[in-house]
PDB file of all heavy atoms in Angstrom:
ATOM      1  N   LEU A   1     -32.585  46.022 -15.472  1.00  0.00           N
ATOM      2  CA  LEU A   1     -32.181  47.028 -16.448  1.00  0.00           C
ATOM      3  C   LEU A   1     -32.724  48.384 -16.041  1.00  0.00           C
ATOM      4  O   LEU A   1     -33.913  48.522 -15.749  1.00  0.00           O
ATOM      5  CB  LEU A   1     -32.689  46.655 -17.841  1.00  0.00           C
ATOM      6  CG  LEU A   1     -32.464  47.695 -18.948  1.00  0.00           C
ATOM      7  CD1 LEU A   1     -30.974  47.837 -19.246  1.00  0.00           C
ATOM      8  CD2 LEU A   1     -33.227  47.320 -20.209  1.00  0.00           C
ATOM      9  N   VAL A   2     -31.867  49.382 -16.029  1.00  0.00           N
ATOM     10  CA  VAL A   2     -32.258  50.749 -15.722  1.00  0.00           C
ATOM     11  C   VAL A   2     -32.401  51.568 -16.995  1.00  0.00           C
ATOM     12  O   VAL A   2     -33.407  52.253 -17.207  1.00  0.00           O
ATOM     13  CB  VAL A   2     -31.244  51.416 -14.778  1.00  0.00           C
ATOM     14  CG1 VAL A   2     -31.606  52.879 -14.544  1.00  0.00           C
ATOM     15  CG2 VAL A   2     -31.178  50.660 -13.459  1.00  0.00           C
ATOM     16  N   ALA A   3     -31.393  51.518 -17.833  1.00  0.00           N
ATOM     17  CA  ALA A   3     -31.395  52.296 -19.065  1.00  0.00           C
ATOM     18  C   ALA A   3     -30.470  51.639 -20.075  1.00  0.00           C
ATOM     19  O   ALA A   3     -29.490  50.986 -19.706  1.00  0.00           O
ATOM     20  CB  ALA A   3     -30.952  53.739 -18.812  1.00  0.00           C
ATOM     21  N   ARG A   4     -30.773  51.842 -21.341  1.00  0.00           N
ATOM     22  CA  ARG A   4     -29.993  51.238 -22.410  1.00  0.00           C
ATOM     23  C   ARG A   4     -29.869  52.226 -23.552  1.00  0.00           C
ATOM     24  O   ARG A   4     -30.815  52.966 -23.849  1.00  0.00           O
ATOM     25  CB  ARG A   4     -30.663  49.952 -22.904  1.00  0.00           C
ATOM     26  CG  ARG A   4     -30.002  49.270 -24.083  1.00  0.00           C
ATOM     27  CD  ARG A   4     -30.718  47.962 -24.399  1.00  0.00           C
ATOM     28  NE  ARG A   4     -30.279  47.353 -25.646  1.00  0.00           N
ATOM     29  CZ  ARG A   4     -29.199  46.582 -25.775  1.00  0.00           C
ATOM     30  NH1 ARG A   4     -28.433  46.326 -24.726  1.00  0.00           N
ATOM     31  NH2 ARG A   4     -28.893  46.070 -26.954  1.00  0.00           N
ATOM     32  N   ILE A   5     -28.705  52.252 -24.169  1.00  0.00           N
ATOM     33  CA  ILE A   5     -28.496  53.048 -25.364  1.00  0.00           C
ATOM     34  C   ILE A   5     -27.778  52.175 -26.381  1.00  0.00           C
ATOM     35  O   ILE A   5     -26.749  51.571 -26.096  1.00  0.00           O
ATOM     36  CB  ILE A   5     -27.716  54.355 -25.067  1.00  0.00           C
ATOM     37  CG1 ILE A   5     -27.587  55.204 -26.336  1.00  0.00           C
ATOM     38  CG2 ILE A   5     -26.352  54.068 -24.440  1.00  0.00           C
ATOM     39  CD1 ILE A   5     -27.136  56.634 -26.046  1.00  0.00           C
ATOM     40  N   THR A   6     -28.344  52.078 -27.571  1.00  0.00           N
ATOM     41  CA  THR A   6     -27.785  51.213 -28.595  1.00  0.00           C
ATOM     42  C   THR A   6     -26.635  51.900 -29.308  1.00  0.00           C
ATOM     43  O   THR A   6     -26.373  53.091 -29.132  1.00  0.00           O
ATOM     44  CB  THR A   6     -28.853  50.813 -29.614  1.00  0.00           C
ATOM     45  OG1 THR A   6     -29.217  51.968 -30.391  1.00  0.00           O
ATOM     46  CG2 THR A   6     -30.085  50.248 -28.930  1.00  0.00           C
ATOM     47  N   SER A   7     -25.947  51.118 -30.127  1.00  0.00           N
ATOM     48  CA  SER A   7     -24.873  51.687 -30.926  1.00  0.00           C
ATOM     49  C   SER A   7     -25.385  52.768 -31.867  1.00  0.00           C
ATOM     50  O   SER A   7     -24.628  53.656 -32.259  1.00  0.00           O
ATOM     51  CB  SER A   7     -24.170  50.588 -31.723  1.00  0.00           C
ATOM     52  OG  SER A   7     -25.074  49.937 -32.606  1.00  0.00           O
ATOM     53  N   GLY A   8     -26.665  52.693 -32.223  1.00  0.00           N
ATOM     54  CA  GLY A   8     -27.276  53.697 -33.076  1.00  0.00           C
ATOM     55  C   GLY A   8     -27.806  54.907 -32.343  1.00  0.00           C
ATOM     56  O   GLY A   8     -28.255  55.867 -32.980  1.00  0.00           O
ATOM     57  N   GLY A   9     -27.777  54.873 -31.009  1.00  0.00           N
ATOM     58  CA  GLY A   9     -28.180  56.020 -30.228  1.00  0.00           C
ATOM     59  C   GLY A   9     -29.588  55.990 -29.676  1.00  0.00           C
ATOM     60  O   GLY A   9     -29.996  56.925 -28.977  1.00  0.00           O
ATOM     61  N   SER A  10     -30.346  54.944 -29.962  1.00  0.00           N
ATOM     62  CA  SER A  10     -31.688  54.861 -29.407  1.00  0.00           C
ATOM     63  C   SER A  10     -31.626  54.460 -27.940  1.00  0.00           C
ATOM     64  O   SER A  10     -30.720  53.745 -27.521  1.00  0.00           O
ATOM     65  CB  SER A  10     -32.555  53.888 -30.194  1.00  0.00           C
ATOM     66  OG  SER A  10     -32.024  52.570 -30.123  1.00  0.00           O
ATOM     67  N   THR A  11     -32.590  54.913 -27.162  1.00  0.00           N
ATOM     68  CA  THR A  11     -32.588  54.683 -25.721  1.00  0.00           C
ATOM     69  C   THR A  11     -33.901  54.098 -25.245  1.00  0.00           C
ATOM     70  O   THR A  11     -34.940  54.258 -25.879  1.00  0.00           O
ATOM     71  CB  THR A  11     -32.327  55.984 -24.946  1.00  0.00           C
ATOM     72  OG1 THR A  11     -33.375  56.924 -25.240  1.00  0.00           O
ATOM     73  CG2 THR A  11     -30.989  56.587 -25.335  1.00  0.00           C
ATOM     74  N   ASP A  12     -33.843  53.414 -24.123  1.00  0.00           N
ATOM     75  CA  ASP A  12     -35.041  53.021 -23.413  1.00  0.00           C
ATOM     76  C   ASP A  12     -34.726  52.939 -21.932  1.00  0.00           C
ATOM     77  O   ASP A  12     -33.568  52.796 -21.531  1.00  0.00           O
ATOM     78  CB  ASP A  12     -35.650  51.724 -23.950  1.00  0.00           C
ATOM     79  CG  ASP A  12     -34.781  50.503 -23.748  1.00  0.00           C
ATOM     80  OD1 ASP A  12     -33.543  50.629 -23.696  1.00  0.00           O
ATOM     81  OD2 ASP A  12     -35.341  49.396 -23.647  1.00  0.00           O
ATOM     82  N   TYR A  13     -35.772  53.056 -21.111  1.00  0.00           N
ATOM     83  CA  TYR A  13     -35.619  53.168 -19.673  1.00  0.00           C
ATOM     84  C   TYR A  13     -36.622  52.298 -18.951  1.00  0.00           C
ATOM     85  O   TYR A  13     -37.717  52.020 -19.460  1.00  0.00           O
ATOM     86  CB  TYR A  13     -35.836  54.615 -19.222  1.00  0.00           C
ATOM     87  CG  TYR A  13     -34.875  55.605 -19.822  1.00  0.00           C
ATOM     88  CD1 TYR A  13     -35.153  56.215 -21.042  1.00  0.00           C
ATOM     89  CD2 TYR A  13     -33.701  55.942 -19.159  1.00  0.00           C
ATOM     90  CE1 TYR A  13     -34.270  57.129 -21.593  1.00  0.00           C
ATOM     91  CE2 TYR A  13     -32.813  56.854 -19.710  1.00  0.00           C
ATOM     92  CZ  TYR A  13     -33.102  57.445 -20.922  1.00  0.00           C
ATOM     93  OH  TYR A  13     -32.228  58.354 -21.460  1.00  0.00           O
ATOM     94  N   ALA A  14     -36.254  51.899 -17.755  1.00  0.00           N
ATOM     95  CA  ALA A  14     -37.223  51.270 -16.881  1.00  0.00           C
ATOM     96  C   ALA A  14     -38.292  52.289 -16.505  1.00  0.00           C
ATOM     97  O   ALA A  14     -38.005  53.481 -16.361  1.00  0.00           O
ATOM     98  CB  ALA A  14     -36.539  50.742 -15.624  1.00  0.00           C
ATOM     99  N   ASP A  15     -39.518  51.818 -16.360  1.00  0.00           N
ATOM    100  CA  ASP A  15     -40.607  52.728 -16.019  1.00  0.00           C
ATOM    101  C   ASP A  15     -40.333  53.493 -14.722  1.00  0.00           C
ATOM    102  O   ASP A  15     -40.737  54.649 -14.581  1.00  0.00           O
ATOM    103  CB  ASP A  15     -41.919  51.955 -15.887  1.00  0.00           C
ATOM    104  CG  ASP A  15     -42.459  51.485 -17.218  1.00  0.00           C
ATOM    105  OD1 ASP A  15     -42.031  52.010 -18.263  1.00  0.00           O
ATOM    106  OD2 ASP A  15     -43.326  50.585 -17.214  1.00  0.00           O
ATOM    107  N   SER A  16     -39.640  52.864 -13.803  1.00  0.00           N
ATOM    108  CA  SER A  16     -39.400  53.470 -12.508  1.00  0.00           C
ATOM    109  C   SER A  16     -38.461  54.672 -12.558  1.00  0.00           C
ATOM    110  O   SER A  16     -38.439  55.474 -11.622  1.00  0.00           O
ATOM    111  CB  SER A  16     -38.841  52.429 -11.531  1.00  0.00           C
ATOM    112  OG  SER A  16     -37.624  51.891 -12.010  1.00  0.00           O
ATOM    113  N   VAL A  17     -37.695  54.803 -13.634  1.00  0.00           N
ATOM    114  CA  VAL A  17     -36.733  55.900 -13.734  1.00  0.00           C
ATOM    115  C   VAL A  17     -37.023  56.844 -14.883  1.00  0.00           C
ATOM    116  O   VAL A  17     -36.359  57.886 -15.001  1.00  0.00           O
ATOM    117  CB  VAL A  17     -35.284  55.376 -13.852  1.00  0.00           C
ATOM    118  CG1 VAL A  17     -34.978  54.391 -12.739  1.00  0.00           C
ATOM    119  CG2 VAL A  17     -35.040  54.745 -15.219  1.00  0.00           C
ATOM    120  N   LYS A  18     -37.979  56.507 -15.715  1.00  0.00           N
ATOM    121  CA  LYS A  18     -38.288  57.337 -16.876  1.00  0.00           C
ATOM    122  C   LYS A  18     -38.655  58.753 -16.442  1.00  0.00           C
ATOM    123  O   LYS A  18     -39.466  58.950 -15.546  1.00  0.00           O
ATOM    124  CB  LYS A  18     -39.418  56.715 -17.684  1.00  0.00           C
ATOM    125  CG  LYS A  18     -39.671  57.404 -19.016  1.00  0.00           C
ATOM    126  CD  LYS A  18     -40.734  56.682 -19.826  1.00  0.00           C
ATOM    127  CE  LYS A  18     -40.946  57.346 -21.173  1.00  0.00           C
ATOM    128  NZ  LYS A  18     -41.990  56.653 -21.976  1.00  0.00           N
ATOM    129  N   GLY A  19     -38.051  59.725 -17.095  1.00  0.00           N
ATOM    130  CA  GLY A  19     -38.282  61.116 -16.759  1.00  0.00           C
ATOM    131  C   GLY A  19     -37.332  61.659 -15.720  1.00  0.00           C
ATOM    132  O   GLY A  19     -37.256  62.878 -15.535  1.00  0.00           O
ATOM    133  N   ARG A  20     -36.617  60.777 -15.040  1.00  0.00           N
ATOM    134  CA  ARG A  20     -35.666  61.194 -14.010  1.00  0.00           C
ATOM    135  C   ARG A  20     -34.221  60.895 -14.396  1.00  0.00           C
ATOM    136  O   ARG A  20     -33.320  61.637 -14.006  1.00  0.00           O
ATOM    137  CB  ARG A  20     -35.975  60.512 -12.676  1.00  0.00           C
ATOM    138  CG  ARG A  20     -37.363  60.827 -12.130  1.00  0.00           C
ATOM    139  CD  ARG A  20     -37.530  60.271 -10.717  1.00  0.00           C
ATOM    140  NE  ARG A  20     -37.425  58.810 -10.688  1.00  0.00           N
ATOM    141  CZ  ARG A  20     -36.500  58.135 -10.004  1.00  0.00           C
ATOM    142  NH1 ARG A  20     -35.591  58.786  -9.287  1.00  0.00           N
ATOM    143  NH2 ARG A  20     -36.489  56.810 -10.018  1.00  0.00           N
ATOM    144  N   PHE A  21     -34.009  59.808 -15.130  1.00  0.00           N
ATOM    145  CA  PHE A  21     -32.665  59.391 -15.521  1.00  0.00           C
ATOM    146  C   PHE A  21     -32.474  59.604 -17.018  1.00  0.00           C
ATOM    147  O   PHE A  21     -33.420  59.460 -17.808  1.00  0.00           O
ATOM    148  CB  PHE A  21     -32.437  57.910 -15.218  1.00  0.00           C
ATOM    149  CG  PHE A  21     -32.352  57.560 -13.754  1.00  0.00           C
ATOM    150  CD1 PHE A  21     -32.679  58.466 -12.759  1.00  0.00           C
ATOM    151  CD2 PHE A  21     -31.936  56.282 -13.384  1.00  0.00           C
ATOM    152  CE1 PHE A  21     -32.602  58.123 -11.422  1.00  0.00           C
ATOM    153  CE2 PHE A  21     -31.852  55.928 -12.052  1.00  0.00           C
ATOM    154  CZ  PHE A  21     -32.185  56.843 -11.070  1.00  0.00           C
ATOM    155  N   THR A  22     -31.254  59.905 -17.402  1.00  0.00           N
ATOM    156  CA  THR A  22     -30.906  60.048 -18.811  1.00  0.00           C
ATOM    157  C   THR A  22     -29.597  59.328 -19.090  1.00  0.00           C
ATOM    158  O   THR A  22     -28.595  59.580 -18.420  1.00  0.00           O
ATOM    159  CB  THR A  22     -30.769  61.523 -19.219  1.00  0.00           C
ATOM    160  OG1 THR A  22     -31.993  62.219 -18.970  1.00  0.00           O
ATOM    161  CG2 THR A  22     -30.425  61.633 -20.703  1.00  0.00           C
ATOM    162  N   ILE A  23     -29.618  58.432 -20.061  1.00  0.00           N
ATOM    163  CA  ILE A  23     -28.405  57.753 -20.477  1.00  0.00           C
ATOM    164  C   ILE A  23     -27.867  58.443 -21.727  1.00  0.00           C
ATOM    165  O   ILE A  23     -28.629  58.860 -22.600  1.00  0.00           O
ATOM    166  CB  ILE A  23     -28.653  56.249 -20.733  1.00  0.00           C
ATOM    167  CG1 ILE A  23     -27.335  55.514 -20.979  1.00  0.00           C
ATOM    168  CG2 ILE A  23     -29.627  56.037 -21.881  1.00  0.00           C
ATOM    169  CD1 ILE A  23     -27.476  53.991 -21.006  1.00  0.00           C
ATOM    170  N   SER A  24     -26.564  58.574 -21.796  1.00  0.00           N
ATOM    171  CA  SER A  24     -25.928  59.186 -22.948  1.00  0.00           C
ATOM    172  C   SER A  24     -24.561  58.555 -23.156  1.00  0.00           C
ATOM    173  O   SER A  24     -24.049  57.852 -22.283  1.00  0.00           O
ATOM    174  CB  SER A  24     -25.807  60.708 -22.777  1.00  0.00           C
ATOM    175  OG  SER A  24     -24.998  61.029 -21.657  1.00  0.00           O
ATOM    176  N   ARG A  25     -23.995  58.809 -24.310  1.00  0.00           N
ATOM    177  CA  ARG A  25     -22.675  58.248 -24.592  1.00  0.00           C
ATOM    178  C   ARG A  25     -21.820  59.255 -25.337  1.00  0.00           C
ATOM    179  O   ARG A  25     -22.315  60.083 -26.104  1.00  0.00           O
ATOM    180  CB  ARG A  25     -22.799  56.938 -25.384  1.00  0.00           C
ATOM    181  CG  ARG A  25     -23.425  57.085 -26.765  1.00  0.00           C
ATOM    182  CD  ARG A  25     -23.792  55.716 -27.348  1.00  0.00           C
ATOM    183  NE  ARG A  25     -22.630  54.860 -27.506  1.00  0.00           N
ATOM    184  CZ  ARG A  25     -22.681  53.530 -27.619  1.00  0.00           C
ATOM    185  NH1 ARG A  25     -23.857  52.900 -27.567  1.00  0.00           N
ATOM    186  NH2 ARG A  25     -21.567  52.835 -27.771  1.00  0.00           N
ATOM    187  N   ASP A  26     -20.536  59.179 -25.091  1.00  0.00           N
ATOM    188  CA  ASP A  26     -19.544  59.983 -25.783  1.00  0.00           C
ATOM    189  C   ASP A  26     -18.540  58.997 -26.349  1.00  0.00           C
ATOM    190  O   ASP A  26     -17.634  58.544 -25.651  1.00  0.00           O
ATOM    191  CB  ASP A  26     -18.880  60.975 -24.836  1.00  0.00           C
ATOM    192  CG  ASP A  26     -17.948  61.936 -25.546  1.00  0.00           C
ATOM    193  OD1 ASP A  26     -17.416  61.588 -26.621  1.00  0.00           O
ATOM    194  OD2 ASP A  26     -17.742  63.052 -25.029  1.00  0.00           O
ATOM    195  N   ASN A  27     -18.715  58.658 -27.603  1.00  0.00           N
ATOM    196  CA  ASN A  27     -17.877  57.627 -28.206  1.00  0.00           C
ATOM    197  C   ASN A  27     -16.411  58.052 -28.311  1.00  0.00           C
ATOM    198  O   ASN A  27     -15.514  57.215 -28.231  1.00  0.00           O
ATOM    199  CB  ASN A  27     -18.408  57.250 -29.585  1.00  0.00           C
ATOM    200  CG  ASN A  27     -19.729  56.510 -29.508  1.00  0.00           C
ATOM    201  OD1 ASN A  27     -20.000  55.808 -28.537  1.00  0.00           O
ATOM    202  ND2 ASN A  27     -20.542  56.656 -30.545  1.00  0.00           N
ATOM    203  N   ALA A  28     -16.174  59.344 -28.488  1.00  0.00           N
ATOM    204  CA  ALA A  28     -14.801  59.826 -28.553  1.00  0.00           C
ATOM    205  C   ALA A  28     -14.076  59.587 -27.235  1.00  0.00           C
ATOM    206  O   ALA A  28     -12.878  59.313 -27.222  1.00  0.00           O
ATOM    207  CB  ALA A  28     -14.772  61.308 -28.926  1.00  0.00           C
ATOM    208  N   LYS A  29     -14.797  59.728 -26.130  1.00  0.00           N
ATOM    209  CA  LYS A  29     -14.231  59.486 -24.807  1.00  0.00           C
ATOM    210  C   LYS A  29     -14.389  58.045 -24.359  1.00  0.00           C
ATOM    211  O   LYS A  29     -13.918  57.679 -23.275  1.00  0.00           O
ATOM    212  CB  LYS A  29     -14.860  60.422 -23.776  1.00  0.00           C
ATOM    213  CG  LYS A  29     -14.510  61.888 -23.947  1.00  0.00           C
ATOM    214  CD  LYS A  29     -15.129  62.714 -22.825  1.00  0.00           C
ATOM    215  CE  LYS A  29     -14.616  64.149 -22.835  1.00  0.00           C
ATOM    216  NZ  LYS A  29     -14.980  64.863 -24.063  1.00  0.00           N
ATOM    217  N   LYS A  30     -15.066  57.238 -25.163  1.00  0.00           N
ATOM    218  CA  LYS A  30     -15.339  55.839 -24.833  1.00  0.00           C
ATOM    219  C   LYS A  30     -16.002  55.732 -23.464  1.00  0.00           C
ATOM    220  O   LYS A  30     -15.638  54.896 -22.634  1.00  0.00           O
ATOM    221  CB  LYS A  30     -14.062  55.000 -24.897  1.00  0.00           C
ATOM    222  CG  LYS A  30     -13.473  54.935 -26.295  1.00  0.00           C
ATOM    223  CD  LYS A  30     -12.295  53.976 -26.366  1.00  0.00           C
ATOM    224  CE  LYS A  30     -11.804  53.854 -27.799  1.00  0.00           C
ATOM    225  NZ  LYS A  30     -10.673  52.902 -27.919  1.00  0.00           N
ATOM    226  N   THR A  31     -16.990  56.577 -23.254  1.00  0.00           N
ATOM    227  CA  THR A  31     -17.653  56.672 -21.962  1.00  0.00           C
ATOM    228  C   THR A  31     -19.160  56.753 -22.134  1.00  0.00           C
ATOM    229  O   THR A  31     -19.650  57.422 -23.050  1.00  0.00           O
ATOM    230  CB  THR A  31     -17.163  57.902 -21.184  1.00  0.00           C
ATOM    231  OG1 THR A  31     -15.747  57.823 -21.012  1.00  0.00           O
ATOM    232  CG2 THR A  31     -17.812  57.977 -19.813  1.00  0.00           C
ATOM    233  N   VAL A  32     -19.876  56.072 -21.268  1.00  0.00           N
ATOM    234  CA  VAL A  32     -21.322  56.179 -21.202  1.00  0.00           C
ATOM    235  C   VAL A  32     -21.687  56.754 -19.840  1.00  0.00           C
ATOM    236  O   VAL A  32     -21.024  56.474 -18.837  1.00  0.00           O
ATOM    237  CB  VAL A  32     -22.009  54.817 -21.450  1.00  0.00           C
ATOM    238  CG1 VAL A  32     -21.620  53.805 -20.382  1.00  0.00           C
ATOM    239  CG2 VAL A  32     -23.517  54.983 -21.516  1.00  0.00           C
ATOM    240  N   TYR A  33     -22.733  57.574 -19.810  1.00  0.00           N
ATOM    241  CA  TYR A  33     -23.132  58.261 -18.602  1.00  0.00           C
ATOM    242  C   TYR A  33     -24.560  57.906 -18.218  1.00  0.00           C
ATOM    243  O   TYR A  33     -25.389  57.562 -19.059  1.00  0.00           O
ATOM    244  CB  TYR A  33     -23.051  59.778 -18.784  1.00  0.00           C
ATOM    245  CG  TYR A  33     -21.706  60.280 -19.233  1.00  0.00           C
ATOM    246  CD1 TYR A  33     -21.444  60.493 -20.586  1.00  0.00           C
ATOM    247  CD2 TYR A  33     -20.704  60.553 -18.313  1.00  0.00           C
ATOM    248  CE1 TYR A  33     -20.211  60.957 -21.005  1.00  0.00           C
ATOM    249  CE2 TYR A  33     -19.466  61.019 -18.720  1.00  0.00           C
ATOM    250  CZ  TYR A  33     -19.226  61.219 -20.065  1.00  0.00           C
ATOM    251  OH  TYR A  33     -17.995  61.684 -20.476  1.00  0.00           O
ATOM    252  N   LEU A  34     -24.840  58.016 -16.947  1.00  0.00           N
ATOM    253  CA  LEU A  34     -26.201  57.945 -16.455  1.00  0.00           C
ATOM    254  C   LEU A  34     -26.424  59.144 -15.544  1.00  0.00           C
ATOM    255  O   LEU A  34     -25.898  59.189 -14.432  1.00  0.00           O
ATOM    256  CB  LEU A  34     -26.464  56.646 -15.690  1.00  0.00           C
ATOM    257  CG  LEU A  34     -27.912  56.448 -15.230  1.00  0.00           C
ATOM    258  CD1 LEU A  34     -28.834  56.271 -16.433  1.00  0.00           C
ATOM    259  CD2 LEU A  34     -28.027  55.262 -14.283  1.00  0.00           C
ATOM    260  N   GLN A  35     -27.172  60.121 -16.045  1.00  0.00           N
ATOM    261  CA  GLN A  35     -27.526  61.286 -15.255  1.00  0.00           C
ATOM    262  C   GLN A  35     -28.786  60.974 -14.473  1.00  0.00           C
ATOM    263  O   GLN A  35     -29.823  60.680 -15.063  1.00  0.00           O
ATOM    264  CB  GLN A  35     -27.738  62.503 -16.153  1.00  0.00           C
ATOM    265  CG  GLN A  35     -28.152  63.764 -15.413  1.00  0.00           C
ATOM    266  CD  GLN A  35     -27.078  64.278 -14.484  1.00  0.00           C
ATOM    267  OE1 GLN A  35     -25.937  64.445 -14.900  1.00  0.00           O
ATOM    268  NE2 GLN A  35     -27.421  64.517 -13.233  1.00  0.00           N
TER     269      GLN A  35
END
């Protein structure tokens, strides 16, 4: 697991990527992103 975002919008990350990766979602576009 690298990153997770729940249906409620909460997130968590693997320690190895924390601070470098950001997960987000755009429900209108039905798309999730990993920056």
